[in-house]
Amino acid sequence: MPDNTTTSDSVMPDENAVIEAIKQVFDPEIPVNLYDLGLIYSIKINDDSIIDIEMTLTTPNCPVAELLPTQVASKVKELPGVENVRIKLVWEPAWTQDRMSEDAQLILDMQGGVMPKPQQFFNISTPHKK
């Protein structure tokens, strides 16, 4: 009797593999990956070879707002068995430094404990009162 069950040539990655792929994408201003920064809100691995990721950015005015979600999707799509990655950029809840991993907080502390200010992204000087 023939076997009518279908088998997939590649197995979908587990959540840990997806996280490791995301950890290859770094914020260009801070030497911390996006996962440890707390920018990834959810990962859903679907049975249809599609992975849905909800993520945010440190600020809606992020100068790399178009680049980072594309990089995340690209890295995750490299995993065996993944046909497509859908990124949903969300703003609620708003990102705060409390979402960062302990490793990210340690790195940030080594840099003086503060996130770069928007002026540092664009090399804008703040006007001084005379």
Protein backbone atom coordinates (compact mmCIF):
# COMPACT_ATOMS: atom_id res chain seq x y z
CA MET A 1 0.00 0.00 0.00
CA PRO A 2 1.52 3.38 -1.02
CA ASP A 3 2.32 5.99 1.62
CA ASN A 4 0.15 9.06 0.94
CA THR A 5 1.65 11.21 3.68
CA THR A 6 3.54 14.26 2.58
CA THR A 7 6.96 15.04 3.86
CA SER A 8 8.84 18.28 3.65
CA ASP A 9 12.37 18.33 2.32
CA SER A 10 13.31 20.91 4.91
CA VAL A 11 12.06 21.37 8.39
CA MET A 12 11.12 24.81 9.63
CA PRO A 13 13.62 26.30 12.08
CA ASP A 14 12.70 26.59 15.72
CA GLU A 15 12.42 29.91 17.55
CA ASN A 16 16.01 29.70 18.81
CA ALA A 17 17.31 29.47 15.23
CA VAL A 18 15.21 32.48 14.25
CA ILE A 19 16.54 34.43 17.24
CA GLU A 20 20.14 33.56 16.33
CA ALA A 21 19.51 34.81 12.77
CA ILE A 22 18.06 38.07 14.10
CA LYS A 23 21.07 38.48 16.39
CA GLN A 24 23.20 38.91 13.26
CA VAL A 25 21.55 42.29 12.62
CA PHE A 26 23.07 45.16 14.58
CA ASP A 27 21.94 48.69 15.27
CA PRO A 28 24.34 50.90 13.27
CA GLU A 29 24.82 53.36 16.16
CA ILE A 30 25.12 50.92 19.06
CA PRO A 31 27.18 47.71 18.95
CA VAL A 32 24.17 45.63 20.03
CA ASN A 33 22.02 43.30 17.95
CA LEU A 34 18.33 44.06 17.47
CA TYR A 35 17.14 41.09 19.51
CA ASP A 36 19.16 42.06 22.59
CA LEU A 37 18.07 45.67 22.16
CA GLY A 38 14.52 44.41 22.71
CA LEU A 39 13.24 45.49 19.32
CA ILE A 40 11.69 42.11 18.50
CA TYR A 41 8.25 41.84 20.09
CA SER A 42 7.06 38.50 18.70
CA ILE A 43 8.07 35.62 16.46
CA LYS A 44 5.46 33.29 15.00
CA ILE A 45 6.58 30.25 13.02
CA ASN A 46 3.73 29.14 10.77
CA ASP A 47 3.18 25.70 9.27
CA ASP A 48 3.21 27.17 5.76
CA SER A 49 6.95 28.00 5.78
CA ILE A 50 6.25 31.63 6.69
CA ILE A 51 7.60 33.41 9.73
CA ASP A 52 5.81 36.47 11.11
CA ILE A 53 7.86 38.91 13.18
CA GLU A 54 6.59 41.95 15.03
CA MET A 55 9.30 44.47 15.75
CA THR A 56 9.78 48.09 16.59
CA LEU A 57 12.55 50.65 16.42
CA THR A 58 14.08 52.78 19.15
CA THR A 59 12.24 55.79 17.74
CA PRO A 60 9.73 56.37 14.91
CA ASN A 61 12.22 58.84 13.44
CA CYS A 62 14.96 56.23 13.26
CA PRO A 63 17.23 57.08 10.32
CA VAL A 64 17.43 53.39 9.35
CA ALA A 65 13.69 52.68 9.68
CA GLU A 66 13.50 51.06 6.25
CA LEU A 67 16.80 49.21 6.45
CA LEU A 68 16.56 47.29 9.74
CA PRO A 69 13.28 45.40 9.06
CA THR A 70 14.61 44.44 5.63
CA GLN A 71 17.84 43.14 7.17
CA VAL A 72 15.91 41.09 9.76
CA ALA A 73 13.73 39.53 7.06
CA SER A 74 16.75 38.77 4.90
CA LYS A 75 18.68 37.02 7.69
CA VAL A 76 15.69 34.93 8.79
CA LYS A 77 14.85 34.01 5.20
CA GLU A 78 18.33 32.45 4.87
CA LEU A 79 17.28 29.71 7.32
CA PRO A 80 16.47 26.32 5.77
CA GLY A 81 12.75 25.73 5.23
CA VAL A 82 11.73 29.39 5.36
CA GLU A 83 9.78 30.46 2.28
CA ASN A 84 8.86 33.96 3.41
CA VAL A 85 9.28 36.36 6.32
CA ARG A 86 6.65 38.98 7.07
CA ILE A 87 7.77 41.89 9.22
CA LYS A 88 5.19 44.04 10.97
CA LEU A 89 6.60 47.28 12.33
CA VAL A 90 4.70 48.26 15.49
CA TRP A 91 4.92 51.27 17.79
CA GLU A 92 2.85 50.03 20.73
CA PRO A 93 4.05 49.37 23.27
CA ALA A 94 6.70 52.00 22.79
CA TRP A 95 10.26 50.73 23.08
CA THR A 96 12.18 51.63 26.23
CA GLN A 97 15.64 50.69 27.47
CA ASP A 98 13.93 48.33 29.94
CA ARG A 99 13.33 45.94 27.03
CA MET A 100 17.08 45.43 26.49
CA SER A 101 18.76 42.21 27.57
CA GLU A 102 21.28 42.25 30.41
CA ASP A 103 24.07 41.86 27.84
CA ALA A 104 22.86 44.92 25.93
CA GLN A 105 22.59 46.93 29.14
CA LEU A 106 26.15 45.95 30.06
CA ILE A 107 27.45 47.09 26.67
CA LEU A 108 25.52 50.33 27.00
CA ASP A 109 26.92 50.87 30.50
CA MET A 110 30.43 50.42 29.10
CA GLN A 111 29.64 53.23 26.66
CA GLY A 112 28.67 55.63 29.41
CA GLY A 113 25.16 54.39 30.10
CA VAL A 114 23.26 56.50 27.60
CA MET A 115 21.76 55.88 24.23
CA PRO A 116 22.96 58.15 21.42
CA LYS A 117 20.85 61.27 21.12
CA PRO A 118 19.05 61.99 17.82
CA GLN A 119 21.52 64.84 17.23
CA GLN A 120 24.31 62.24 17.15
CA PHE A 121 22.55 60.32 14.37
CA PHE A 122 22.55 63.36 12.13
CA ASN A 123 25.51 65.32 13.50
CA ILE A 124 23.21 68.18 14.45
CA SER A 125 24.38 70.67 17.01
CA THR A 126 21.95 72.03 19.55
CA PRO A 127 21.65 75.82 19.41
CA HIS A 128 23.14 77.61 22.41
CA LYS A 129 21.59 80.64 24.04
CA LYS A 130 23.79 83.71 24.14
